[in-house]
N, C-alpha and C. Protein backbone atom coordinates (compact mmCIF):
# COMPACT_ATOMS: atom_id res chain seq x y z
N MET A 1 -26.33 -5.10 9.64
CA MET A 1 -25.79 -4.71 8.75
C MET A 1 -25.59 -5.90 7.66
N THR A 2 -25.67 -5.34 6.32
CA THR A 2 -25.62 -6.52 5.35
C THR A 2 -23.51 -7.10 4.87
N ALA A 3 -23.35 -8.33 4.19
CA ALA A 3 -22.42 -8.48 4.18
C ALA A 3 -21.89 -7.78 3.29
N SER A 4 -22.16 -7.46 1.94
CA SER A 4 -21.91 -7.23 0.91
C SER A 4 -23.24 -6.69 0.25
N SER A 5 -22.89 -5.25 -0.52
CA SER A 5 -24.10 -5.05 -1.38
C SER A 5 -23.46 -3.79 -2.47
N PRO A 6 -23.90 -3.63 -3.11
CA PRO A 6 -23.68 -3.05 -4.19
C PRO A 6 -23.45 -1.05 -3.67
N THR A 7 -24.53 -0.87 -3.00
CA THR A 7 -24.47 0.10 -2.30
C THR A 7 -23.30 0.32 -1.24
N ARG A 8 -23.51 -0.58 -0.92
CA ARG A 8 -22.55 -0.66 0.91
C ARG A 8 -21.26 -0.78 0.48
N GLU A 9 -20.62 -1.41 -1.02
CA GLU A 9 -19.94 -1.12 -1.97
C GLU A 9 -19.38 0.33 -2.58
N ARG A 10 -20.18 1.27 -2.96
CA ARG A 10 -20.12 2.44 -3.19
C ARG A 10 -19.43 3.25 -2.16
N ILE A 11 -20.46 2.85 -0.84
CA ILE A 11 -20.40 3.87 0.00
C ILE A 11 -18.25 3.76 -0.14
N VAL A 12 -17.54 2.37 0.55
CA VAL A 12 -16.81 2.40 0.63
C VAL A 12 -15.46 3.23 -0.25
N ASP A 13 -16.21 2.98 -1.73
CA ASP A 13 -14.90 3.24 -2.95
C ASP A 13 -15.23 4.61 -2.65
N SER A 14 -17.05 5.23 -2.02
CA SER A 14 -16.60 7.22 -2.23
C SER A 14 -16.29 7.49 -1.52
N ALA A 15 -16.09 6.88 0.85
CA ALA A 15 -15.30 7.38 1.38
C ALA A 15 -13.68 7.22 1.14
N MET A 16 -13.54 6.46 0.43
CA MET A 16 -11.94 5.78 0.19
C MET A 16 -11.48 6.90 -0.72
N ARG A 17 -12.34 7.05 -1.82
CA ARG A 17 -11.60 8.52 -2.68
C ARG A 17 -11.54 9.84 -2.19
N LEU A 18 -13.08 9.62 -1.21
CA LEU A 18 -13.31 11.20 -0.24
C LEU A 18 -11.98 11.46 0.93
N PHE A 19 -11.50 10.26 1.69
CA PHE A 19 -10.71 10.34 2.65
C PHE A 19 -9.32 10.29 1.78
N GLY A 20 -9.13 10.19 1.05
CA GLY A 20 -7.64 10.24 0.43
C GLY A 20 -7.38 11.15 -0.50
N GLU A 21 -8.37 12.26 -0.26
CA GLU A 21 -8.79 13.65 -1.39
C GLU A 21 -8.70 14.41 0.08
N ASN A 22 -9.63 14.64 1.10
CA ASN A 22 -9.73 15.48 1.99
C ASN A 22 -9.37 14.79 3.31
N GLY A 23 -8.87 13.67 4.32
CA GLY A 23 -8.44 13.43 4.96
C GLY A 23 -9.98 12.87 5.35
N TYR A 24 -9.41 11.76 6.81
CA TYR A 24 -11.08 11.37 7.32
C TYR A 24 -11.81 12.58 7.84
N ARG A 25 -10.51 13.21 8.25
CA ARG A 25 -11.46 14.25 8.98
C ARG A 25 -12.27 15.71 8.79
N GLY A 26 -11.50 15.79 7.64
CA GLY A 26 -11.96 16.58 6.04
C GLY A 26 -13.29 16.20 5.24
N THR A 27 -13.74 14.53 5.89
CA THR A 27 -14.54 14.35 4.98
C THR A 27 -16.13 14.14 5.68
N SER A 28 -17.43 13.88 5.77
CA SER A 28 -18.70 14.62 6.37
C SER A 28 -18.91 13.16 6.17
N VAL A 29 -19.93 12.74 6.68
CA VAL A 29 -21.10 11.64 6.12
C VAL A 29 -21.76 11.79 5.32
N ALA A 30 -22.07 12.89 5.35
CA ALA A 30 -23.27 13.84 4.08
C ALA A 30 -22.14 13.89 2.91
N GLN A 31 -21.13 14.08 2.82
CA GLN A 31 -20.40 13.77 1.65
C GLN A 31 -20.55 12.35 0.81
N ILE A 32 -20.12 12.02 1.83
CA ILE A 32 -19.52 10.80 1.44
C ILE A 32 -20.95 9.96 0.67
N GLU A 33 -22.56 10.23 1.39
CA GLU A 33 -23.70 10.27 1.35
C GLU A 33 -23.19 10.31 -0.02
N GLU A 34 -23.82 11.73 -0.46
CA GLU A 34 -23.86 12.10 -2.24
C GLU A 34 -22.92 11.87 -2.85
N ALA A 35 -21.66 11.14 -2.35
CA ALA A 35 -21.00 11.00 -3.51
C ALA A 35 -21.28 9.53 -4.04
N ALA A 36 -21.63 8.53 -2.91
CA ALA A 36 -22.45 7.58 -3.20
C ALA A 36 -23.39 7.35 -3.64
N GLY A 37 -23.99 8.58 -3.99
CA GLY A 37 -25.61 8.21 -4.64
C GLY A 37 -26.47 8.28 -3.28
N LEU A 38 -26.22 8.41 -2.62
CA LEU A 38 -27.55 8.71 -1.29
C LEU A 38 -28.11 10.11 -1.45
N THR A 39 -28.68 10.21 -0.40
CA THR A 39 -29.44 11.59 -0.07
C THR A 39 -28.24 12.00 1.31
N PRO A 40 -27.66 12.97 1.16
CA PRO A 40 -26.79 13.55 1.33
C PRO A 40 -27.71 14.48 2.65
N GLY A 41 -27.00 13.62 4.13
CA GLY A 41 -27.40 13.58 5.68
C GLY A 41 -28.44 13.25 5.71
N ALA A 42 -29.38 12.53 5.15
CA ALA A 42 -30.53 11.77 5.49
C ALA A 42 -29.84 10.13 6.74
N GLY A 43 -28.68 9.99 6.59
CA GLY A 43 -28.25 8.63 7.15
C GLY A 43 -28.02 7.31 6.83
N GLY A 44 -28.30 7.08 5.32
CA GLY A 44 -28.25 5.90 4.83
C GLY A 44 -27.26 5.49 4.70
N LEU A 45 -25.78 5.92 5.13
CA LEU A 45 -24.51 5.37 5.67
C LEU A 45 -25.22 3.82 6.44
N TYR A 46 -25.94 5.02 7.20
CA TYR A 46 -25.79 4.16 8.67
C TYR A 46 -27.00 3.09 8.57
N HIS A 47 -26.96 2.68 7.61
CA HIS A 47 -28.40 1.48 7.06
C HIS A 47 -27.33 0.24 6.81
N HIS A 48 -25.44 0.79 6.54
CA HIS A 48 -24.64 0.27 6.00
C HIS A 48 -23.91 0.05 7.32
N PHE A 49 -23.78 0.72 7.67
CA PHE A 49 -21.99 1.02 8.60
C PHE A 49 -22.20 1.26 9.66
N ARG A 50 -21.96 0.85 11.05
CA ARG A 50 -22.27 1.85 12.47
C ARG A 50 -21.79 3.13 12.48
N SER A 51 -20.57 4.24 11.22
CA SER A 51 -19.75 5.17 11.73
C SER A 51 -18.79 5.35 10.55
N LYS A 52 -18.83 6.22 10.26
CA LYS A 52 -18.04 7.00 9.62
C LYS A 52 -16.77 5.99 10.06
N GLU A 53 -15.85 5.60 11.25
CA GLU A 53 -14.86 4.90 11.34
C GLU A 53 -14.96 3.34 10.59
N ALA A 54 -16.42 2.62 10.76
CA ALA A 54 -16.20 1.34 10.57
C ALA A 54 -16.11 1.52 8.58
N VAL A 55 -16.60 2.77 7.92
CA VAL A 55 -16.37 2.90 6.50
C VAL A 55 -15.11 2.79 6.33
N LEU A 56 -14.36 3.82 7.30
CA LEU A 56 -12.71 3.46 6.98
C LEU A 56 -12.12 2.39 7.08
N SER A 57 -12.35 1.39 8.56
CA SER A 57 -12.29 0.49 8.34
C SER A 57 -12.31 -0.95 7.38
N ALA A 58 -13.33 -0.73 6.81
CA ALA A 58 -14.05 -1.64 5.65
C ALA A 58 -13.34 -1.10 4.26
N GLY A 59 -12.90 0.18 4.57
CA GLY A 59 -11.75 0.41 3.12
C GLY A 59 -10.53 -0.46 2.98
N ILE A 60 -9.95 -0.09 4.39
CA ILE A 60 -8.53 -0.06 4.56
C ILE A 60 -8.61 -1.98 4.40
N GLU A 61 -9.66 -2.39 4.81
CA GLU A 61 -9.66 -4.08 4.41
C GLU A 61 -9.93 -4.65 3.36
N ARG A 62 -10.71 -3.97 2.66
CA ARG A 62 -10.53 -4.22 1.66
C ARG A 62 -9.21 -3.43 0.40
N HIS A 63 -8.51 -2.48 0.74
CA HIS A 63 -7.69 -2.73 0.15
C HIS A 63 -6.11 -3.15 0.87
N LEU A 64 -6.31 -3.53 1.97
CA LEU A 64 -5.33 -4.93 2.07
C LEU A 64 -5.35 -6.12 1.90
N ALA A 65 -7.15 -6.65 1.72
CA ALA A 65 -6.76 -7.64 0.50
C ALA A 65 -6.92 -7.98 -0.76
N ARG A 66 -6.87 -6.66 -1.09
CA ARG A 66 -6.51 -6.57 -3.08
C ARG A 66 -4.72 -6.95 -2.46
N LEU A 67 -4.20 -6.06 -1.76
CA LEU A 67 -2.12 -6.33 -1.27
C LEU A 67 -1.87 -7.53 -1.07
N ASP A 68 -2.37 -8.96 -0.63
CA ASP A 68 -2.44 -9.98 0.08
C ASP A 68 -1.07 -10.70 -1.04
N ALA A 69 -1.36 -10.58 -1.74
CA ALA A 69 0.36 -10.65 -2.77
C ALA A 69 1.43 -10.59 -2.01
N LEU A 70 1.35 -8.69 -2.50
CA LEU A 70 2.65 -7.52 -2.02
C LEU A 70 2.64 -8.19 -0.63
N ARG A 71 2.07 -8.58 0.48
CA ARG A 71 2.20 -8.75 2.14
C ARG A 71 2.97 -10.26 2.03
N ASP A 72 3.20 -11.43 1.28
CA ASP A 72 3.54 -12.56 0.57
C ASP A 72 4.16 -12.54 -0.54
N ILE A 73 5.65 -11.62 -0.30
CA ILE A 73 6.57 -11.72 -1.51
C ILE A 73 7.00 -12.99 -1.88
N ARG A 74 6.92 -14.06 -0.83
CA ARG A 74 7.66 -14.68 -1.19
C ARG A 74 6.88 -15.75 -2.17
N ARG A 75 5.47 -16.00 -2.57
CA ARG A 75 4.88 -16.19 -3.72
C ARG A 75 4.67 -16.34 -4.83
N VAL A 76 5.32 -14.31 -4.96
CA VAL A 76 5.28 -13.53 -6.26
C VAL A 76 6.96 -14.07 -6.70
N LEU A 77 7.94 -14.60 -5.81
CA LEU A 77 9.12 -14.07 -6.16
C LEU A 77 9.70 -15.95 -6.84
N THR A 78 10.22 -15.68 -8.29
CA THR A 78 10.26 -17.01 -8.57
C THR A 78 11.52 -17.22 -8.93
N ASP A 79 11.92 -18.10 -8.74
CA ASP A 79 13.65 -18.68 -9.29
C ASP A 79 13.64 -18.86 -10.92
N LEU A 80 14.36 -18.04 -11.79
CA LEU A 80 14.53 -17.53 -12.83
C LEU A 80 15.55 -17.81 -13.24
N GLY A 81 16.48 -17.87 -12.31
CA GLY A 81 17.76 -17.83 -12.83
C GLY A 81 18.64 -16.75 -12.98
N ASP A 82 18.26 -16.14 -13.00
CA ASP A 82 19.22 -14.86 -13.66
C ASP A 82 18.36 -13.83 -11.56
N LEU A 83 19.68 -13.26 -10.61
CA LEU A 83 19.30 -12.32 -10.02
C LEU A 83 18.35 -11.28 -10.77
N ARG A 84 19.10 -10.95 -11.60
CA ARG A 84 18.86 -9.10 -12.16
C ARG A 84 17.76 -9.45 -12.62
N ALA A 85 16.81 -10.14 -13.45
CA ALA A 85 16.01 -10.21 -13.70
C ALA A 85 14.52 -10.35 -12.63
N GLU A 86 15.00 -11.26 -11.95
CA GLU A 86 14.41 -11.47 -10.43
C GLU A 86 14.16 -10.01 -9.82
N LEU A 87 15.05 -9.82 -9.43
CA LEU A 87 15.13 -8.19 -9.16
C LEU A 87 14.54 -7.38 -10.15
N THR A 88 14.67 -7.57 -11.15
CA THR A 88 13.88 -6.21 -11.46
C THR A 88 12.19 -6.94 -11.73
N LEU A 89 11.73 -7.51 -11.85
CA LEU A 89 10.90 -8.33 -11.45
C LEU A 89 10.03 -8.21 -10.48
N THR A 90 10.58 -7.77 -9.45
CA THR A 90 10.40 -7.80 -8.23
C THR A 90 9.45 -5.91 -7.82
N ALA A 91 11.07 -5.45 -8.84
CA ALA A 91 10.66 -3.77 -8.45
C ALA A 91 9.56 -3.35 -9.10
N ARG A 92 9.57 -4.15 -10.15
CA ARG A 92 8.28 -3.31 -10.93
C ARG A 92 6.56 -4.43 -10.76
N TYR A 93 7.20 -4.95 -9.94
CA TYR A 93 5.75 -5.31 -9.16
C TYR A 93 5.57 -4.75 -8.10
N ILE A 94 6.59 -4.46 -6.89
CA ILE A 94 5.96 -3.48 -5.89
C ILE A 94 5.63 -2.15 -6.30
N LEU A 95 6.09 -1.87 -7.16
CA LEU A 95 6.14 -0.26 -7.53
C LEU A 95 4.30 0.18 -8.30
N ALA A 96 4.23 -1.10 -8.98
CA ALA A 96 2.29 -1.30 -10.02
C ALA A 96 1.75 -1.91 -8.59
N GLU A 97 1.66 -2.81 -7.78
CA GLU A 97 1.35 -2.48 -6.47
C GLU A 97 0.53 -1.27 -5.68
N LEU A 98 1.69 -0.13 -5.40
CA LEU A 98 1.96 0.82 -4.75
C LEU A 98 0.97 1.84 -5.52
N ASP A 99 1.58 2.07 -6.94
CA ASP A 99 0.46 2.44 -7.93
C ASP A 99 -0.84 2.10 -7.69
N SER A 100 -1.03 1.13 -7.32
CA SER A 100 -2.94 0.95 -7.84
C SER A 100 -3.37 1.32 -6.37
N GLU A 101 -2.33 1.06 -5.19
CA GLU A 101 -3.19 1.40 -3.96
C GLU A 101 -2.54 3.17 -3.27
N GLU A 102 -2.32 4.02 -4.34
CA GLU A 102 -2.46 5.40 -4.24
C GLU A 102 -3.54 5.88 -3.37
N GLU A 103 -4.16 6.06 -3.58
CA GLU A 103 -5.63 5.98 -2.37
C GLU A 103 -4.98 5.82 -0.61
N LEU A 104 -4.39 4.22 -0.44
CA LEU A 104 -4.69 3.59 0.52
C LEU A 104 -3.15 4.46 1.29
N LEU A 105 -2.20 4.49 0.64
CA LEU A 105 -0.64 5.20 0.78
C LEU A 105 -1.26 6.78 1.66
N ARG A 106 -1.98 7.56 0.76
CA ARG A 106 -2.70 8.87 1.31
C ARG A 106 -3.04 8.87 2.24
N ILE A 107 -4.07 7.94 2.74
CA ILE A 107 -4.82 7.96 4.09
C ILE A 107 -4.15 7.37 5.26
N MET A 108 -3.58 6.36 5.17
CA MET A 108 -2.36 5.68 5.81
C MET A 108 -1.14 6.74 6.01
N ALA A 109 -0.74 7.68 5.10
CA ALA A 109 -0.15 8.60 5.77
C ALA A 109 -0.67 10.08 6.48
N SER A 110 -1.89 9.89 6.26
CA SER A 110 -2.75 11.47 6.71
C SER A 110 -3.33 10.66 7.77
N GLU A 111 -3.95 9.80 8.26
CA GLU A 111 -4.23 9.33 9.43
C GLU A 111 -3.34 8.52 10.45
N ALA A 112 -2.29 8.36 10.46
CA ALA A 112 -1.54 7.96 10.91
C ALA A 112 -1.07 8.21 12.30
N ARG A 113 -1.87 9.14 13.00
CA ARG A 113 -1.97 10.20 14.48
C ARG A 113 -3.05 10.13 14.65
N SER A 114 -4.08 10.78 13.69
CA SER A 114 -5.42 10.89 14.52
C SER A 114 -6.46 9.51 14.77
N LEU A 115 -5.88 8.19 13.85
CA LEU A 115 -6.61 7.37 13.67
C LEU A 115 -5.46 5.96 14.22
N PRO A 116 -4.97 6.11 15.09
CA PRO A 116 -3.82 4.75 14.93
C PRO A 116 -4.30 3.64 15.41
N GLY A 117 -5.19 3.46 15.52
CA GLY A 117 -5.79 1.97 16.39
C GLY A 117 -5.82 1.01 14.54
N ILE A 118 -7.09 1.80 14.01
CA ILE A 118 -7.24 1.35 12.25
C ILE A 118 -5.77 1.37 11.74
N VAL A 119 -5.22 2.74 11.44
CA VAL A 119 -3.65 2.66 10.59
C VAL A 119 -2.57 1.76 11.07
N GLU A 120 -2.47 2.21 12.02
CA GLU A 120 -1.03 1.00 12.65
C GLU A 120 -1.19 -0.34 12.09
N VAL A 121 -2.29 -0.86 12.76
CA VAL A 121 -2.86 -2.53 12.47
C VAL A 121 -2.86 -2.62 10.27
N ALA A 122 -3.13 -1.75 9.63
CA ALA A 122 -2.98 -1.58 7.82
C ALA A 122 -1.19 -1.28 8.22
N ILE A 123 -0.65 -0.76 8.52
CA ILE A 123 0.94 -0.48 8.24
C ILE A 123 1.55 -1.85 8.68
N GLU A 124 1.33 -2.87 10.03
CA GLU A 124 1.61 -2.97 10.35
C GLU A 124 1.79 -4.90 9.53
N GLN A 125 -0.02 -5.00 8.81
CA GLN A 125 -0.41 -6.21 7.72
C GLN A 125 0.58 -5.92 6.30
N LEU A 126 0.95 -4.27 6.15
CA LEU A 126 1.40 -4.46 5.24
C LEU A 126 3.09 -4.47 4.83
N VAL A 127 3.19 -3.68 5.83
CA VAL A 127 4.97 -3.18 5.78
C VAL A 127 5.98 -4.57 6.13
N SER A 128 5.41 -4.89 7.46
CA SER A 128 6.10 -5.21 7.96
C SER A 128 5.97 -7.08 7.19
N SER A 129 5.37 -6.99 7.37
CA SER A 129 5.32 -8.87 6.71
C SER A 129 5.85 -8.80 5.35
N THR A 130 6.10 -7.39 4.57
CA THR A 130 6.34 -7.38 3.13
C THR A 130 7.58 -7.05 3.06
N TYR A 131 8.61 -6.92 4.35
CA TYR A 131 9.87 -6.51 4.43
C TYR A 131 10.37 -8.02 5.20
N ALA A 132 8.79 -8.37 5.75
CA ALA A 132 10.08 -9.92 6.61
C ALA A 132 9.83 -11.19 5.26
N GLY A 133 8.42 -11.01 4.27
CA GLY A 133 9.04 -12.03 3.30
C GLY A 133 10.46 -11.49 2.13
N PHE A 134 9.92 -10.57 2.27
CA PHE A 134 11.30 -10.26 1.81
C PHE A 134 12.94 -10.64 1.61
N ALA A 135 13.08 -10.10 3.54
CA ALA A 135 14.48 -10.63 3.74
C ALA A 135 15.10 -12.07 3.36
N ALA A 136 13.59 -12.92 4.34
CA ALA A 136 13.39 -13.93 3.69
C ALA A 136 13.58 -14.57 2.21
N TRP A 137 13.48 -14.07 1.52
CA TRP A 137 14.07 -14.34 -0.27
C TRP A 137 15.22 -14.18 -0.15
N LEU A 138 15.26 -12.58 0.33
CA LEU A 138 17.05 -12.60 0.08
C LEU A 138 18.13 -13.50 0.50
N HIS A 139 17.48 -13.90 1.68
CA HIS A 139 18.27 -14.37 2.52
C HIS A 139 18.53 -16.01 1.73
N ASP A 140 17.57 -16.59 1.41
CA ASP A 140 17.51 -17.97 0.97
C ASP A 140 18.11 -17.79 -0.72
N ARG A 141 17.56 -16.83 -1.50
CA ARG A 141 18.10 -16.59 -2.66
C ARG A 141 19.59 -16.69 -2.83
N ALA A 142 20.07 -15.46 -2.13
CA ALA A 142 21.44 -15.29 -1.70
C ALA A 142 22.22 -15.53 -1.27
N ALA A 143 21.24 -16.44 -0.02
CA ALA A 143 22.23 -16.78 0.94
C ALA A 143 23.38 -15.91 1.48
N LEU A 144 22.22 -15.14 2.33
CA LEU A 144 22.63 -13.76 3.30
C LEU A 144 22.55 -13.99 4.86
N PRO A 145 23.03 -13.80 5.36
CA PRO A 145 22.66 -13.80 6.80
C PRO A 145 21.33 -13.29 7.08
N GLU A 146 20.78 -13.30 7.92
CA GLU A 146 19.26 -13.27 8.12
C GLU A 146 19.90 -11.56 8.83
N GLU A 147 20.65 -11.08 9.66
CA GLU A 147 20.40 -9.85 9.28
C GLU A 147 21.13 -8.88 8.59
N ARG A 148 21.59 -9.36 7.93
CA ARG A 148 22.25 -8.26 6.90
C ARG A 148 21.12 -8.90 5.45
N ALA A 149 20.91 -9.78 5.68
CA ALA A 149 18.69 -9.87 4.66
C ALA A 149 18.04 -8.79 5.01
N THR A 150 17.90 -8.66 6.24
CA THR A 150 17.01 -7.90 6.97
C THR A 150 17.40 -6.69 6.82
N ALA A 151 19.13 -6.12 6.89
CA ALA A 151 19.07 -5.05 6.37
C ALA A 151 19.13 -4.20 4.72
N VAL A 152 19.34 -5.09 3.97
CA VAL A 152 19.46 -5.42 2.48
C VAL A 152 18.13 -4.84 2.26
N ALA A 153 17.06 -5.99 3.25
CA ALA A 153 15.22 -5.71 2.53
C ALA A 153 14.71 -4.52 3.17
N ALA A 154 15.40 -4.02 4.26
CA ALA A 154 14.55 -2.71 4.33
C ALA A 154 15.27 -1.62 3.82
N VAL A 155 16.07 -1.42 3.16
CA VAL A 155 17.12 -0.56 2.04
C VAL A 155 16.41 -0.57 0.72
N GLY A 156 15.66 -2.23 0.20
CA GLY A 156 15.91 -2.03 -0.58
C GLY A 156 14.42 -1.55 -0.53
N LEU A 157 13.20 -1.94 0.10
CA LEU A 157 11.64 -1.97 -0.13
C LEU A 157 11.41 -0.54 0.45
N GLY A 158 12.88 -0.45 1.44
CA GLY A 158 12.07 1.65 1.44
C GLY A 158 12.68 2.02 0.84
N SER A 159 13.14 1.78 -0.30
CA SER A 159 13.70 3.02 -1.50
C SER A 159 12.41 2.86 -2.39
N LEU A 160 11.40 1.58 -3.17
CA LEU A 160 10.33 1.55 -3.22
C LEU A 160 9.40 2.20 -3.05
N LEU A 161 9.49 2.17 -1.35
CA LEU A 161 8.36 3.09 -0.91
C LEU A 161 8.29 4.46 -0.99
N SER A 162 9.62 5.09 -0.55
CA SER A 162 9.94 5.83 -0.62
C SER A 162 9.67 6.54 -1.59
N SER A 163 9.44 5.75 -3.26
CA SER A 163 9.80 6.77 -4.46
C SER A 163 7.71 7.09 -4.57
N ARG A 164 7.44 6.04 -4.07
CA ARG A 164 5.67 6.42 -4.01
C ARG A 164 5.48 7.08 -3.36
N VAL A 165 5.49 7.77 -2.46
CA VAL A 165 5.56 8.00 -1.34
C VAL A 165 5.54 9.57 -1.44
N LEU A 166 6.95 9.81 -1.90
CA LEU A 166 6.79 11.19 -2.62
C LEU A 166 6.24 11.69 -3.80
N ARG A 167 5.91 10.37 -4.67
CA ARG A 167 4.79 11.21 -5.80
C ARG A 167 3.56 11.29 -5.48
N SER A 168 3.37 10.21 -4.76
CA SER A 168 1.68 10.20 -4.52
C SER A 168 1.52 10.93 -3.48
N VAL A 169 1.78 10.97 -2.46
CA VAL A 169 1.45 11.01 -1.06
C VAL A 169 1.95 12.48 -0.71
N LEU A 170 3.19 13.02 -0.99
CA LEU A 170 3.73 14.05 -0.62
C LEU A 170 3.70 15.22 -2.13
N ARG A 171 2.74 14.26 -3.50
CA ARG A 171 3.12 15.04 -4.79
C ARG A 171 4.28 15.70 -5.42
N VAL A 172 5.71 14.88 -4.65
CA VAL A 172 7.07 15.42 -5.05
C VAL A 172 7.10 15.13 -6.52
N THR A 173 7.37 16.15 -7.19
CA THR A 173 7.46 15.69 -9.08
C THR A 173 9.17 16.14 -9.65
N SER A 174 9.67 17.08 -8.60
CA SER A 174 10.98 17.71 -9.17
C SER A 174 12.22 16.82 -8.88
N VAL A 175 11.84 15.34 -8.62
CA VAL A 175 13.04 14.07 -8.61
C VAL A 175 13.05 14.03 -10.01
N GLY A 176 12.50 13.87 -10.57
CA GLY A 176 12.56 13.79 -12.34
C GLY A 176 13.12 12.70 -12.48
N VAL A 177 12.73 11.83 -11.74
CA VAL A 177 13.03 10.17 -12.62
C VAL A 177 12.34 9.16 -12.68
N ASP A 178 12.50 8.43 -13.96
CA ASP A 178 11.65 8.00 -14.69
C ASP A 178 11.36 6.49 -13.52
N ASP A 179 10.08 5.86 -14.38
CA ASP A 179 9.93 4.49 -13.48
C ASP A 179 11.59 3.76 -14.26
N ASP A 180 11.82 3.51 -15.37
CA ASP A 180 12.62 2.12 -16.23
C ASP A 180 14.41 2.76 -15.46
N THR A 181 14.71 4.03 -15.34
CA THR A 181 15.53 4.78 -14.88
C THR A 181 15.68 4.16 -13.74
N PHE A 182 14.88 4.60 -12.28
CA PHE A 182 14.49 3.76 -10.78
C PHE A 182 14.64 2.88 -11.14
N VAL A 183 14.06 1.86 -11.67
CA VAL A 183 14.26 0.11 -11.70
C VAL A 183 16.05 -0.40 -12.28
N THR A 184 16.03 -0.11 -13.30
CA THR A 184 17.40 -0.20 -13.46
C THR A 184 18.44 0.40 -12.69
N THR A 185 18.50 1.55 -11.86
CA THR A 185 19.40 1.93 -10.69
C THR A 185 19.08 0.76 -9.67
N TRP A 186 18.09 0.87 -9.15
CA TRP A 186 17.25 -0.09 -7.92
C TRP A 186 18.25 -1.13 -7.82
N VAL A 187 17.74 -1.78 -9.15
CA VAL A 187 18.72 -3.31 -9.30
C VAL A 187 19.81 -3.03 -9.54
N GLU A 188 20.88 -2.14 -9.96
CA GLU A 188 21.99 -2.60 -9.49
C GLU A 188 22.40 -2.25 -8.33
N MET A 189 21.60 -1.34 -7.32
CA MET A 189 22.01 -1.09 -6.10
C MET A 189 22.03 -2.27 -4.91
N MET A 190 20.79 -3.18 -5.14
CA MET A 190 20.57 -4.29 -5.30
C MET A 190 21.36 -5.61 -5.33
N HIS A 191 22.20 -5.50 -6.63
CA HIS A 191 22.77 -6.85 -7.01
C HIS A 191 23.80 -6.38 -6.24
N ALA A 192 24.32 -5.12 -5.80
CA ALA A 192 25.70 -4.94 -5.29
C ALA A 192 25.50 -5.02 -3.95
N MET A 193 24.52 -5.00 -3.18
CA MET A 193 24.25 -4.95 -1.89
C MET A 193 24.16 -6.37 -1.72
N LEU A 194 24.30 -7.32 -2.76
CA LEU A 194 24.08 -9.00 -2.41
C LEU A 194 24.99 -9.10 -3.12
N GLY A 195 26.03 -8.72 -3.40
CA GLY A 195 27.25 -9.48 -3.38
C GLY A 195 27.87 -10.01 -4.80
N GLU A 196 26.86 -9.95 -5.55
CA GLU A 196 26.90 -10.96 -6.68
C GLU A 196 27.07 -10.16 -8.04
């Protein structure tokens, strides 16, 4: 199997799009091959991957590599000298990253039960380390006790993630709050919880 090739990348791109639209079980190898420009049902996928599950693993791994900065959120957060500005930057950054990974969110939500091994690792890498990094930043920046920083991080990041899961995964549009209003409200809530 080749480390990386244009065909391999097309297979991963096509598969992840199809997995996001139809689910893992709802996507056949032949559909992936056709979407990637290969002859459907001829087994071209197997020249690059040992199985459909290996394609999913490669796709999730690629998405997680793109989200490395989100997982290490403390690298992104800088001391601007204004907590509100820092919180605004944080919210907008996280929402933008989640928007760019809508496909991954849909796959993680739809396949958490049917492919727990692959998806649990992805969720652990993405979510747990992001929460831990944000809690550590809150602990340092706002001088919060660790337990309080962890709770505030859970509420703060949970609301950002929830807004995107509702919109991207569940396709709920009836909430009707635009991002500017949402971010402004989120910053006010976080600022109040931080006691500044």
